[in-house]
Protein backbone atom coordinates (compact mmCIF):
# COMPACT_ATOMS: atom_id res chain seq x y z
CA UNK A 1 -0.17 -0.11 0.17
CA UNK A 2 1.46 3.53 -0.85
CA UNK A 3 1.87 6.73 1.19
CA UNK A 4 -1.13 8.08 -0.21
CA UNK A 5 -3.47 5.37 0.18
CA UNK A 6 -2.38 5.98 3.92
CA UNK A 7 -3.29 9.67 3.70
CA UNK A 8 -7.17 9.00 5.11
CA UNK A 9 -8.67 8.58 8.28
CA UNK A 10 -11.49 5.88 8.92
CA UNK A 11 -13.51 5.33 12.16
CA UNK A 12 -15.61 2.49 12.75
CA UNK A 13 -17.08 0.52 15.88
CA UNK A 14 -17.66 -3.57 15.25
CA UNK A 15 -19.99 -5.54 17.42
CA UNK A 16 -17.97 -8.44 19.60
CA UNK A 17 -18.63 -11.10 17.30
CA UNK A 18 -17.00 -9.49 14.50
CA UNK A 19 -14.32 -8.03 16.29
CA UNK A 20 -13.73 -11.62 17.69
CA UNK A 21 -13.43 -13.05 14.60
CA UNK A 22 -10.32 -10.04 13.28
CA UNK A 23 -8.72 -11.30 15.74
CA UNK A 24 -9.19 -14.79 15.30
CA UNK A 25 -7.71 -14.16 11.67
CA UNK A 26 -5.21 -11.56 12.68
CA UNK A 27 -3.79 -14.07 15.28
CA UNK A 28 -3.21 -16.93 12.08
CA UNK A 29 -1.02 -14.68 10.21
CA UNK A 30 2.91 -14.55 10.09
CA UNK A 31 3.20 -11.24 11.33
CA UNK A 32 0.03 -11.30 13.64
CA UNK A 33 -0.90 -7.60 12.43
CA UNK A 34 -2.85 -4.74 14.79
CA UNK A 35 -6.20 -5.23 14.34
CA UNK A 36 -6.75 -1.72 12.28
CA UNK A 37 -4.35 -3.70 9.85
CA UNK A 38 -6.28 -6.38 10.08
CA UNK A 39 -9.17 -4.80 9.33
CA UNK A 40 -7.77 -2.74 6.02
CA UNK A 41 -6.51 -6.18 4.94
CA UNK A 42 -9.79 -7.64 4.55
CA UNK A 43 -11.10 -5.07 3.06
CA UNK A 44 -8.09 -5.46 0.37
CA UNK A 45 -9.53 -8.92 0.28
CA UNK A 46 -12.76 -8.30 -0.54
CA UNK A 47 -12.88 -5.44 -2.91
CA UNK A 48 -10.46 -7.85 -4.06
CA UNK A 49 -12.99 -8.11 -7.68
CA UNK A 50 -13.07 -7.11 -11.17
CA UNK A 51 -15.67 -4.61 -12.49
CA UNK A 52 -18.28 -8.04 -13.67
CA UNK A 53 -17.56 -9.26 -10.21
CA UNK A 54 -15.07 -11.61 -10.55
CA UNK A 55 -12.35 -12.23 -7.58
CA UNK A 56 -9.07 -11.51 -8.46
CA UNK A 57 -6.21 -14.37 -7.75
CA UNK A 58 -2.88 -13.59 -6.75
CA UNK A 59 -0.55 -16.32 -6.57
CA UNK A 60 2.92 -16.30 -4.65
CA UNK A 61 6.04 -17.13 -6.04
CA UNK A 62 6.56 -19.96 -4.29
CA UNK A 63 3.28 -20.43 -5.95
CA UNK A 64 4.32 -20.28 -9.48
CA UNK A 65 7.03 -22.06 -9.18
CA UNK A 66 5.02 -25.09 -8.11
CA UNK A 67 2.20 -24.66 -10.88
CA UNK A 68 5.06 -24.44 -14.10
CA UNK A 69 6.70 -28.08 -12.27
CA UNK A 70 3.37 -29.09 -12.49
CA UNK A 71 2.36 -28.02 -15.67
CA UNK A 72 6.38 -29.34 -17.20
CA UNK A 73 4.49 -32.95 -15.41
CA UNK A 74 1.78 -32.11 -17.16
CA UNK A 75 3.10 -31.80 -20.68
CA UNK A 76 5.65 -34.63 -20.52
CA UNK A 77 2.63 -37.17 -19.48
CA UNK A 78 1.32 -36.27 -22.76
CA UNK A 79 -1.93 -36.73 -21.46
CA UNK A 80 -5.14 -35.79 -24.10
CA UNK A 81 -8.54 -34.59 -23.78
CA UNK A 82 -8.20 -32.87 -20.26
CA UNK A 83 -9.67 -29.56 -19.63
CA UNK A 84 -6.23 -28.29 -18.61
CA UNK A 85 -4.09 -26.75 -20.79
CA UNK A 86 -0.08 -26.36 -19.21
CA UNK A 87 0.67 -24.00 -21.47
CA UNK A 88 -2.28 -21.53 -21.02
CA UNK A 89 -1.59 -21.96 -17.60
CA UNK A 90 2.27 -20.72 -18.18
CA UNK A 91 1.71 -17.48 -20.38
CA UNK A 92 -0.78 -16.58 -17.66
CA UNK A 93 2.15 -16.82 -14.94
CA UNK A 94 4.42 -15.19 -17.55
CA UNK A 95 2.37 -12.66 -18.02
CA UNK A 96 0.81 -12.40 -14.20
CA UNK A 97 -2.99 -12.21 -16.41
CA UNK A 98 -4.35 -14.03 -13.90
CA UNK A 99 -7.82 -12.49 -14.42
CA UNK A 100 -7.72 -14.59 -17.30
CA UNK A 101 -7.80 -18.03 -15.59
CA UNK A 102 -11.08 -16.90 -13.95
CA UNK A 103 -12.42 -16.50 -17.71
CA UNK A 104 -10.93 -19.66 -19.11
CA UNK A 105 -12.42 -21.55 -16.05
CA UNK A 106 -14.80 -20.44 -14.13
CA UNK A 107 -16.62 -23.40 -13.14
CA UNK A 108 -13.33 -23.85 -11.47
CA UNK A 109 -13.18 -19.91 -9.17
CA UNK A 110 -16.43 -19.80 -8.35
CA UNK A 111 -18.21 -18.46 -4.40
CA UNK A 112 -20.88 -21.01 -4.04
CA UNK A 113 -21.08 -23.00 -1.12
CA UNK A 114 -23.98 -25.78 -0.79
CA UNK A 115 -25.45 -24.34 2.29
CA UNK A 116 -25.24 -27.27 5.36
CA UNK A 117 -29.73 -26.42 5.50
CA UNK A 118 -30.54 -27.05 2.18
CA UNK A 119 -28.11 -29.86 2.61
CA UNK A 120 -30.06 -31.54 5.78
CA UNK A 121 -33.51 -30.87 4.04
CA UNK A 122 -32.08 -32.25 0.73
CA UNK A 123 -31.59 -35.54 3.08
CA UNK A 124 -34.79 -35.37 5.00
CA UNK A 125 -36.54 -35.52 1.46
CA UNK A 126 -34.66 -38.41 0.07
CA UNK A 127 -35.35 -40.10 3.26
CA UNK A 128 -38.85 -39.35 3.23
CA UNK A 129 -39.49 -40.69 -0.52
CA UNK A 130 -37.27 -43.65 -0.07
CA UNK A 131 -39.83 -44.62 2.71
CA UNK A 132 -42.64 -44.15 1.14
CA UNK A 133 -41.52 -45.39 -2.15
CA UNK A 134 -40.33 -49.14 -0.06
CA UNK A 135 -43.76 -48.85 1.89
CA UNK A 136 -46.19 -48.50 -0.87
CA UNK A 137 -43.95 -51.36 -3.13
CA UNK A 138 -45.03 -53.18 0.22
CA UNK A 139 -48.50 -52.88 0.65
CA UNK A 140 -50.91 -55.72 -0.54
CA UNK A 141 -53.38 -54.59 -4.24
CA UNK A 142 -56.27 -53.38 -1.66
CA UNK A 143 -54.08 -51.14 0.31
CA UNK A 144 -52.72 -49.60 -3.17
CA UNK A 145 -56.28 -49.44 -4.44
CA UNK A 146 -57.22 -47.67 -0.91
CA UNK A 147 -54.33 -45.85 -0.97
CA UNK A 148 -55.12 -44.62 -5.02
CA UNK A 149 -58.02 -43.36 -3.92
CA UNK A 150 -58.07 -41.26 -0.60
CA UNK A 151 -54.94 -39.87 -1.74
CA UNK A 152 -56.09 -38.95 -5.09
CA UNK A 153 -54.55 -37.62 -7.44
CA UNK A 154 -51.18 -38.71 -6.09
CA UNK A 155 -51.89 -41.79 -4.50
CA UNK A 156 -51.45 -44.10 -8.10
CA UNK A 157 -48.20 -43.55 -9.26
CA UNK A 158 -45.77 -42.77 -5.67
CA UNK A 159 -42.28 -42.47 -7.18
CA UNK A 160 -39.92 -39.08 -6.49
CA UNK A 161 -40.09 -37.17 -8.59
CA UNK A 162 -36.84 -34.48 -8.03
CA UNK A 163 -37.14 -30.50 -7.74
CA UNK A 164 -37.36 -27.58 -9.85
CA UNK A 165 -34.40 -27.48 -12.67
CA UNK A 166 -34.81 -23.67 -12.50
CA UNK A 167 -35.84 -22.26 -8.94
CA UNK A 168 -34.43 -25.31 -7.11
CA UNK A 169 -31.02 -26.14 -8.38
CA UNK A 170 -29.26 -26.08 -6.28
CA UNK A 171 -31.51 -28.77 -4.37
CA UNK A 172 -31.33 -30.46 -7.25
CA UNK A 173 -27.32 -30.33 -8.01
CA UNK A 174 -27.23 -31.31 -4.36
CA UNK A 175 -29.27 -34.80 -4.48
CA UNK A 176 -27.71 -35.97 -7.44
CA UNK A 177 -24.56 -35.40 -6.44
CA UNK A 178 -25.93 -37.81 -3.02
CA UNK A 179 -26.73 -40.15 -4.83
CA UNK A 180 -23.95 -40.24 -8.07
CA UNK A 181 -20.84 -38.86 -6.60
CA UNK A 182 -21.56 -40.31 -3.13
CA UNK A 183 -23.57 -43.79 -3.51
CA UNK A 184 -26.20 -42.61 -1.21
CA UNK A 185 -30.08 -42.68 -1.70
CA UNK A 186 -29.22 -45.06 -4.91
CA UNK A 187 -32.31 -46.49 -5.77
CA UNK A 188 -33.26 -42.88 -6.98
CA UNK A 189 -30.52 -43.14 -9.29
CA UNK A 190 -31.36 -44.04 -12.56
CA UNK A 191 -33.81 -40.45 -12.25
CA UNK A 192 -33.37 -37.12 -14.12
CA UNK A 193 -35.24 -35.36 -10.59
CA UNK A 194 -35.73 -32.59 -11.85
CA UNK A 195 -39.41 -32.17 -12.05
CA UNK A 196 -39.46 -28.68 -14.13
CA UNK A 197 -41.56 -27.86 -11.58
CA UNK A 198 -40.78 -26.25 -8.04
CA UNK A 199 -41.35 -29.34 -5.76
CA UNK A 200 -39.31 -27.96 -1.91
CA UNK A 201 -43.03 -26.30 -0.40
CA UNK A 202 -45.28 -29.30 -1.07
CA UNK A 203 -41.74 -32.02 0.34
CA UNK A 204 -41.92 -29.66 3.44
CA UNK A 205 -45.49 -29.82 3.99
CA UNK A 206 -45.04 -33.75 3.61
CA UNK A 207 -42.28 -33.45 6.24
CA UNK A 208 -43.94 -31.98 8.75
CA UNK A 209 -46.15 -35.16 8.24
CA UNK A 210 -43.70 -38.25 7.81
CA UNK A 211 -41.02 -35.92 11.10
CA UNK A 212 -43.17 -37.27 13.88
CA UNK A 213 -43.46 -40.49 11.91
CA UNK A 214 -39.82 -40.90 11.35
CA UNK A 215 -38.55 -42.67 14.97
CA UNK A 216 -41.29 -45.24 15.21
CA UNK A 217 -39.84 -46.90 11.83
CA UNK A 218 -37.12 -48.97 13.23
CA UNK A 219 -37.41 -52.51 11.52
CA UNK A 220 -41.09 -52.04 10.18
CA UNK A 221 -41.98 -50.07 6.98
CA UNK A 222 -44.84 -47.18 6.49
CA UNK A 223 -48.14 -48.43 6.23
CA UNK A 224 -51.37 -47.23 4.16
CA UNK A 225 -53.23 -44.78 6.77
CA UNK A 226 -49.68 -43.67 7.33
CA UNK A 227 -48.79 -43.30 2.83
CA UNK A 228 -52.20 -42.14 2.51
CA UNK A 229 -50.74 -38.93 5.10
CA UNK A 230 -47.99 -38.73 4.19
CA UNK A 231 -49.23 -37.57 0.12
CA UNK A 232 -52.49 -35.67 1.29
CA UNK A 233 -50.31 -33.02 1.82
CA UNK A 234 -49.06 -32.79 -1.78
CA UNK A 235 -52.58 -31.17 -2.49
CA UNK A 236 -51.88 -27.10 -1.65
CA UNK A 237 -54.26 -26.27 1.18
CA UNK A 238 -56.32 -23.59 -1.38
CA UNK A 239 -57.08 -26.87 -3.25
CA UNK A 240 -58.60 -28.74 -0.25
């Protein structure tokens, strides 16, 4: 930071919880800066964006050396059909064009992080539908007919359709990652899970009924009455 940039004085007040986080951050730095210096650095980090909203990518000398070595190793292996271009990376480092990494590999440099609350809700929804489908499949024909009649129009096809791809993308992507990458809830593996319309509100109404039942399902499946009660929540209250 140059002398000109340090001529302006600025006063601010911080809450105790924020101040504690600042102290925690500065204590982890090698030189343990003062609070004011720590705040200045954190502000610079936060403001390090381009006009398009992309983050600036900074690489120190040690990281440059490691990247060059990795690029040379990458080229020596003569790998084909790979997305990362080692010569492009070397050109970026040599020319200092770090912004170009975000432009070319935007899928890597992003700020998105899955919400823990959404993850928890997706797991609950998948768990509920696992019980619904499995329980329904084990019903007698007589009970299946009763579910179809009493939970009409949703009782004749008890199947998890997924989430709205446009409106509920985070839910859909988390569900697919759980199923396809972590091998959880694999009974839904062959489905697209794009319901093409919002479904989270419906699932929440269903979970409100399923939740109290969940602790009593050890060693058994949902019965017809329970399935009917849950499926009835698929119909919006305004249409009942």
